[in-house]
Structures are given as structure tokens and as C-alpha cells.
Amino acid sequence: MLESLENGLGLSIVEFFQKGSWGDMLWYLLYPFNLIGSEMGFLVLLPVVYWSVNKSAGKRLLILSLAGTVIFSGLKSWWMRPRPFHVDPTIRHIADTTEYGLPSGHTIFGTSVGLWVANHFGKWKITVIMIVCILLMGISRMVHGMHYPQDVVTGWLLGGLFFGLYYWLTPKIEGWFKENTFRKGMIFSLTLLIVAFVTVVIISDQYEVRKSVLSPLGALVGGLLGIFFEEKHIHFSTNIKLKIRFLRALAGLIVLIAFYLLFDVSYYAFFKDDYSILSMMMYTFRYLLVGCTVTFFVPLTFKPLKI
């Protein structure tokens, strides 16, 4: 059934969204959704929420989005379905990738985070805006030639399911964090990293597949470790003046992007075209440092910078 959609109706729908001058207009109008659902969204939007808007909300959004990305990147590797341009090279696409298509990670991210925001604020206007954004995120994946409609619909369904599961588990997870010590939290995070890493390496020997799961996994564990360190040693607050919020976001992004580029250049300087297990370990560690930078190293600068 999926093959008939990938070669028939599903492909026709993608072609429809790309057709003519209005297809070109949609391409540029919906381009921001490509950035929001990419690594850029994780590097800019979510950290700023954590540092400058609402610490508790930012913490939850980071865990929700990264955990979801780990799980659903694993599903892509399990289902192994192609993207539209894998089947038809004439399909215009916004990025080249050998990763599988089903489900749409951008759509899952947009759906789960959008529902979280709507629930967090509880206002009908924000809920309507979030629903529109969720729909546009899915449509943008077809406009940009990255996913079939079945990938997008599955993304909407899984994003909603994951949000519901997360919403149900949040009180239990927060209760666990409060009841357990710093040491137990560290052991839990590192155990999660080791078990998940070994599982990924055993299940797939494809470099791109491994990377798609290990990058959010490393960032998730690094973020958790940073949260434990921050709660033990820093305790920063987001109950601050608007000017300080802006300065904190600006300084945080400068530090984060500088560290991210440093980790990126260092990794590829030593492991370019290296697909060994050691390379994958260092790739995961690179993202672990990124996650820890967001939740601990950047907040560590707030006090000396008086922000």
C-alpha cells in the first residue's frame, strides 16, 4: 500500500504543492518552518525559552522535543520508507539526505511543541495560532519535497500521541526528579545514554541512520546532566526584567553558537570520513556537550555577566 502511495497519489500530491508560480510562492513563505523544525530550532528557540522566558517551560520543551526526536528517528530506521525525491529525482527538495522519510520529524516536533504551548497558555487565540502552525509545518514538508502526505499525517498523529503521553507522564517524571538525589539522576542519564547508544549501533550499521538518532540522544542526555548540575549549583531564575531577558538571550546564543561551531569543527577535523564506533561515540559526545552547554554552561555565565 505504501509503495502505491509513494509512486502514485502521494507523489501526485507533492507535485501539486510544487506546481506553478503559487508553488514557488509557498516554497518561500513556508521556508521558516523548515528552520524551526531543524537543528536551528533546537539551537535558538528552545534555549531562549529556557534562559529568558520561562525556565520550567523551557526545560519541559527541551526534554519533550529531544526525547520525541530520538524515538521517532528510530521509527524512521525501522520503517525504512523513502522520501519523494528518492523515488522521483525531479521533485524539488530543500535538502539532500539519505535518511528515511516516514514519519516526518519536523511535523512531529511542530505538533508536540505546538500542543504543549497551546496547553501551557490555555488561551483560545494562542490555541488557534498553534493549530494553524501545526498544519503549516506539515504542509511545508510537502511543499519543500521532503515528505509524502502519509509521512505528514503520521507525524501529526504521532506528535499528538507523544504530547498526550508526555502530558500524562510529566507529574510522575517531575515527582521522580524531586525524590531522587543528584547522584541517582546522573546515573540514570548515563545509563540511558549507554543503553540507547548500544541499541542504535546493534540495530543499524548505516552512518546517516545512526547520526539521526545519536545527535538528539546526545543532546537529550547532555541537557539532563546540565539540568542536574544547574539545580545543584546555580538555580537561575527567569523572573527578570525585559532588558535582562534580551541580554541573556543574546549572550546565551553567542556562547552556544560559538561552542557548537567549535565542537563541529573539532569533530570533523579528527573524524572526517570515519564511520567507526569511536567516531559515533565522539559524535554523540559532541551533542552531549551541546545539550549541557544549553542547560548548564550558558546559565553559568549569567552571574558573572550580571544577567
Protein backbone atom coordinates (compact mmCIF):
# COMPACT_ATOMS: atom_id res chain seq x y z
CA MET A 1 0.00 0.00 0.00
CA LEU A 2 2.77 2.45 0.92
CA GLU A 3 4.61 1.73 -2.33
CA SER A 4 1.49 2.56 -4.36
CA LEU A 5 1.15 5.85 -2.48
CA GLU A 6 4.84 6.64 -2.93
CA ASN A 7 4.63 6.10 -6.67
CA GLY A 8 1.04 7.28 -7.20
CA LEU A 9 -1.30 9.51 -5.22
CA GLY A 10 1.23 10.56 -2.58
CA LEU A 11 3.72 11.65 -5.23
CA SER A 12 0.98 13.48 -7.14
CA ILE A 13 0.05 15.47 -4.03
CA VAL A 14 3.67 16.55 -3.53
CA GLU A 15 3.85 17.56 -7.20
CA PHE A 16 0.61 19.52 -6.78
CA PHE A 17 2.07 21.58 -3.92
CA GLN A 18 5.12 22.38 -6.04
CA LYS A 19 3.25 23.26 -9.21
CA GLY A 20 3.49 26.65 -10.93
CA SER A 21 4.13 30.11 -9.54
CA TRP A 22 1.98 29.54 -6.44
CA GLY A 23 4.17 26.56 -5.61
CA ASP A 24 7.19 28.88 -5.75
CA MET A 25 5.41 31.36 -3.51
CA LEU A 26 4.59 28.66 -0.95
CA TRP A 27 8.19 27.48 -1.05
CA TYR A 28 9.46 30.84 0.23
CA LEU A 29 6.52 31.66 2.52
CA LEU A 30 6.84 28.36 4.38
CA TYR A 31 10.64 28.34 4.48
CA PRO A 32 10.75 29.48 8.16
CA PHE A 33 9.03 26.22 9.16
CA ASN A 34 11.97 24.31 7.70
CA LEU A 35 14.31 26.23 10.01
CA ILE A 36 12.08 25.89 13.08
CA GLY A 37 11.93 22.11 12.78
CA SER A 38 15.63 21.74 12.00
CA GLU A 39 18.66 21.84 14.27
CA MET A 40 18.37 25.64 14.20
CA GLY A 41 15.10 25.44 16.14
CA PHE A 42 16.79 23.41 18.85
CA LEU A 43 19.75 25.81 18.95
CA VAL A 44 17.79 29.07 19.06
CA LEU A 45 14.11 28.86 20.01
CA LEU A 46 14.09 26.29 22.82
CA PRO A 47 17.23 27.54 24.60
CA VAL A 48 15.91 31.12 24.59
CA VAL A 49 12.67 29.93 26.22
CA TYR A 50 14.73 28.12 28.89
CA TRP A 51 17.07 31.05 29.61
CA SER A 52 14.85 34.08 29.20
CA VAL A 53 11.13 33.29 29.10
CA ASN A 54 10.20 30.50 31.49
CA LYS A 55 12.80 28.15 32.92
CA SER A 56 10.35 25.40 33.83
CA ALA A 57 8.59 25.57 30.45
CA GLY A 58 11.89 25.62 28.58
CA LYS A 59 13.11 22.59 30.50
CA ARG A 60 9.98 20.63 29.63
CA LEU A 61 10.06 21.69 25.97
CA LEU A 62 13.70 20.63 25.61
CA ILE A 63 13.03 17.20 27.10
CA LEU A 64 9.80 16.76 25.11
CA SER A 65 11.30 17.70 21.75
CA LEU A 66 14.61 15.84 22.12
CA ALA A 67 13.04 12.67 23.52
CA GLY A 68 10.49 12.72 20.70
CA THR A 69 13.22 13.18 18.10
CA VAL A 70 15.16 10.20 19.46
CA ILE A 71 12.11 7.93 19.42
CA PHE A 72 10.79 8.90 16.01
CA SER A 73 14.21 8.93 14.35
CA GLY A 74 14.34 5.32 15.46
CA LEU A 75 10.95 4.69 13.81
CA LYS A 76 12.28 6.07 10.50
CA SER A 77 15.06 3.50 10.63
CA TRP A 78 12.59 0.74 11.40
CA TRP A 79 10.04 1.54 8.68
CA MET A 80 12.69 2.46 6.05
CA ARG A 81 10.39 4.38 3.70
CA PRO A 82 11.83 6.68 1.01
CA ARG A 83 11.34 10.40 0.57
CA PRO A 84 9.65 11.78 -2.59
CA PHE A 85 12.93 12.78 -4.25
CA HIS A 86 14.36 9.32 -3.57
CA VAL A 87 11.60 7.92 -5.80
CA ASP A 88 11.43 10.77 -8.34
CA PRO A 89 14.67 12.81 -8.69
CA THR A 90 12.74 15.60 -10.46
CA ILE A 91 10.98 16.52 -7.19
CA ARG A 92 12.45 19.78 -5.95
CA HIS A 93 13.69 19.41 -2.38
CA ILE A 94 15.15 21.76 0.18
CA ALA A 95 17.93 19.48 1.45
CA ASP A 96 19.74 16.34 0.31
CA THR A 97 19.63 13.48 2.77
CA THR A 98 19.80 9.70 2.72
CA GLU A 99 17.66 9.45 5.85
CA TYR A 100 14.31 7.69 5.53
CA GLY A 101 11.08 9.66 5.35
CA LEU A 102 8.30 8.08 7.42
CA PRO A 103 7.33 9.72 9.79
CA SER A 104 8.03 13.43 9.30
CA GLY A 105 10.24 14.57 12.17
CA HIS A 106 9.52 18.25 11.56
CA THR A 107 5.78 17.55 11.78
CA ILE A 108 6.14 15.55 14.99
CA PHE A 109 8.24 18.31 16.52
CA GLY A 110 5.83 21.04 15.44
CA THR A 111 2.77 19.10 16.61
CA SER A 112 4.06 18.09 20.04
CA VAL A 113 5.57 21.50 20.84
CA GLY A 114 2.59 23.39 19.39
CA LEU A 115 0.16 21.39 21.52
CA TRP A 116 2.34 21.95 24.56
CA VAL A 117 2.35 25.72 24.01
CA ALA A 118 -1.44 25.78 23.48
CA ASN A 119 -1.98 23.77 26.66
CA HIS A 120 0.54 25.83 28.65
CA PHE A 121 -1.13 29.18 27.91
CA GLY A 122 -4.71 27.87 27.77
CA LYS A 123 -5.99 30.78 25.65
CA TRP A 124 -8.14 30.16 22.58
CA LYS A 125 -6.28 32.68 20.41
CA ILE A 126 -2.94 31.00 21.07
CA THR A 127 -4.56 27.59 20.53
CA VAL A 128 -5.83 28.68 17.09
CA ILE A 129 -2.41 30.07 16.16
CA MET A 130 -0.72 26.83 17.24
CA ILE A 131 -3.16 24.68 15.25
CA VAL A 132 -2.51 26.79 12.13
CA CYS A 133 1.25 26.48 12.69
CA ILE A 134 0.96 22.71 13.14
CA LEU A 135 -0.94 22.40 9.85
CA LEU A 136 1.51 24.67 8.01
CA MET A 137 4.50 22.75 9.36
CA GLY A 138 3.13 19.56 7.81
CA ILE A 139 2.21 21.22 4.52
CA SER A 140 5.66 22.82 4.30
CA ARG A 141 7.28 19.36 4.28
CA MET A 142 5.37 18.50 1.10
CA VAL A 143 5.94 21.93 -0.45
CA HIS A 144 9.67 21.50 0.14
CA GLY A 145 9.66 18.00 -1.32
CA MET A 146 10.91 16.30 1.84
CA HIS A 147 7.89 14.16 2.73
CA TYR A 148 4.83 12.41 1.35
CA PRO A 149 1.36 13.22 2.73
CA GLN A 150 1.35 9.87 4.57
CA ASP A 151 4.59 10.89 6.32
CA VAL A 152 2.97 14.17 7.39
CA VAL A 153 -0.32 12.63 8.57
CA THR A 154 1.62 10.03 10.56
CA GLY A 155 3.68 12.88 12.01
CA TRP A 156 0.55 14.73 13.12
CA LEU A 157 -0.86 11.58 14.75
CA LEU A 158 2.38 10.57 16.47
CA GLY A 159 3.08 14.15 17.58
CA GLY A 160 -0.35 14.31 19.21
CA LEU A 161 0.09 10.87 20.77
CA PHE A 162 3.55 11.75 22.08
CA PHE A 163 2.30 15.01 23.59
CA GLY A 164 -0.54 13.17 25.31
CA LEU A 165 1.87 10.57 26.69
CA TYR A 166 4.27 13.28 27.82
CA TYR A 167 1.45 15.29 29.45
CA TRP A 168 0.32 12.19 31.33
CA LEU A 169 3.83 11.26 32.45
CA THR A 170 5.06 14.77 33.38
CA PRO A 171 3.81 14.72 37.01
CA LYS A 172 5.34 11.28 37.51
CA ILE A 173 8.67 12.31 35.94
CA GLU A 174 8.88 15.53 37.98
CA GLY A 175 7.99 13.61 41.12
CA TRP A 176 10.81 11.17 40.37
CA PHE A 177 13.30 14.03 39.88
CA LYS A 178 12.29 15.61 43.21
CA GLU A 179 12.50 12.35 45.14
CA ASN A 180 15.87 11.21 43.77
CA THR A 181 19.28 12.60 44.52
CA PHE A 182 21.74 14.33 42.20
CA ARG A 183 23.82 11.13 42.11
CA LYS A 184 20.86 8.98 41.06
CA GLY A 185 19.95 11.47 38.35
CA MET A 186 23.47 11.32 36.94
CA ILE A 187 23.45 7.52 36.98
CA PHE A 188 20.06 7.45 35.23
CA SER A 189 21.21 9.84 32.47
CA LEU A 190 24.44 7.97 31.77
CA THR A 191 22.68 4.60 31.83
CA LEU A 192 20.14 5.92 29.31
CA LEU A 193 23.00 7.08 27.08
CA ILE A 194 24.86 3.76 27.18
CA VAL A 195 21.80 1.55 26.65
CA ALA A 196 20.43 3.69 23.80
CA PHE A 197 23.84 4.00 22.11
CA VAL A 198 24.45 0.25 22.15
CA THR A 199 20.90 -0.37 20.85
CA VAL A 200 21.37 2.03 17.92
CA VAL A 201 24.75 0.55 16.97
CA ILE A 202 23.35 -3.00 17.06
CA ILE A 203 20.16 -2.21 15.12
CA SER A 204 21.72 -0.26 12.23
CA ASP A 205 25.11 -0.14 10.53
CA GLN A 206 24.18 2.86 8.34
CA TYR A 207 26.12 6.00 9.19
CA GLU A 208 23.31 8.50 8.43
CA VAL A 209 20.75 6.46 10.34
CA ARG A 210 22.99 6.27 13.38
CA LYS A 211 23.66 10.00 13.28
CA SER A 212 19.96 10.87 13.07
CA VAL A 213 19.31 9.08 16.38
CA LEU A 214 22.59 9.73 18.21
CA SER A 215 22.57 13.53 17.78
CA PRO A 216 19.27 14.11 19.67
CA LEU A 217 20.19 11.32 22.11
CA GLY A 218 23.46 13.03 22.99
CA ALA A 219 21.75 16.41 23.30
CA LEU A 220 19.00 14.93 25.50
CA VAL A 221 21.42 13.27 27.91
CA GLY A 222 23.67 16.35 27.94
CA GLY A 223 20.64 18.51 28.63
CA LEU A 224 19.57 16.28 31.51
CA LEU A 225 23.07 16.28 33.01
CA GLY A 226 23.16 20.06 32.70
CA ILE A 227 19.78 20.37 34.43
CA PHE A 228 21.03 18.29 37.36
CA PHE A 229 24.20 20.41 37.64
CA GLU A 230 22.24 23.67 37.30
CA GLU A 231 19.76 22.73 40.01
CA LYS A 232 22.61 21.77 42.34
CA HIS A 233 24.97 24.71 41.74
CA ILE A 234 23.23 27.67 40.01
CA HIS A 235 19.44 27.96 40.46
CA PHE A 236 18.96 30.79 37.96
CA SER A 237 15.55 32.45 37.64
CA THR A 238 13.61 33.79 34.65
CA ASN A 239 11.68 36.24 36.84
CA ILE A 240 13.73 39.15 35.48
CA LYS A 241 13.29 42.47 33.66
CA LEU A 242 12.66 42.55 29.92
CA LYS A 243 16.04 44.17 29.21
CA ILE A 244 17.84 41.42 31.12
CA ARG A 245 15.83 38.75 29.27
CA PHE A 246 17.02 40.16 25.96
CA LEU A 247 20.66 40.47 27.07
CA ARG A 248 20.59 36.94 28.48
CA ALA A 249 19.19 35.52 25.25
CA LEU A 250 21.76 37.38 23.16
CA ALA A 251 24.72 36.39 25.34
CA GLY A 252 23.47 32.81 25.59
CA LEU A 253 23.13 32.42 21.83
CA ILE A 254 26.62 33.84 21.25
CA VAL A 255 28.13 31.36 23.72
CA LEU A 256 26.05 28.43 22.44
CA ILE A 257 26.74 29.02 18.74
CA ALA A 258 30.46 29.55 19.44
CA PHE A 259 30.61 26.25 21.34
CA TYR A 260 28.52 24.48 18.70
CA LEU A 261 30.85 25.59 15.90
CA LEU A 262 33.90 24.65 17.99
CA PHE A 263 32.53 21.15 18.62
CA ASP A 264 31.57 20.80 14.94
CA VAL A 265 34.96 21.84 13.55
CA SER A 266 36.84 19.74 16.12
CA TYR A 267 34.79 16.64 15.39
CA TYR A 268 35.21 16.77 11.61
CA ALA A 269 38.90 17.66 11.91
CA PHE A 270 39.54 14.32 13.60
CA PHE A 271 36.76 12.08 12.24
CA LYS A 272 36.07 13.19 8.66
CA ASP A 273 35.00 10.13 6.59
CA ASP A 274 35.47 7.95 9.67
CA TYR A 275 32.47 5.68 10.28
CA SER A 276 33.93 3.66 13.17
CA ILE A 277 32.31 3.06 16.56
CA LEU A 278 34.79 5.52 18.10
CA SER A 279 33.61 8.13 15.60
CA MET A 280 29.99 7.53 16.61
CA MET A 281 30.90 7.76 20.30
CA MET A 282 32.57 11.12 19.76
CA TYR A 283 29.68 12.28 17.57
CA THR A 284 27.28 11.52 20.44
CA PHE A 285 29.64 13.19 22.94
CA ARG A 286 29.75 16.28 20.73
CA TYR A 287 25.97 16.69 21.02
CA LEU A 288 26.09 15.81 24.71
CA LEU A 289 28.33 18.86 25.15
CA VAL A 290 25.87 20.97 23.14
CA GLY A 291 22.97 19.90 25.38
CA CYS A 292 25.00 20.53 28.53
CA THR A 293 26.01 23.95 27.19
CA VAL A 294 22.34 24.93 26.86
CA THR A 295 21.25 23.84 30.33
CA PHE A 296 24.41 24.42 32.39
CA PHE A 297 27.40 26.19 30.79
CA VAL A 298 25.37 29.13 29.46
CA PRO A 299 23.48 29.64 32.78
CA LEU A 300 26.90 29.51 34.47
CA THR A 301 27.75 32.81 32.72
CA PHE A 302 24.64 34.66 33.95
CA LYS A 303 26.01 35.63 37.37
CA PRO A 304 29.48 36.89 36.26
CA LEU A 305 27.84 38.78 33.38
CA LYS A 306 25.21 40.13 35.82
CA ILE A 307 22.33 38.96 33.66
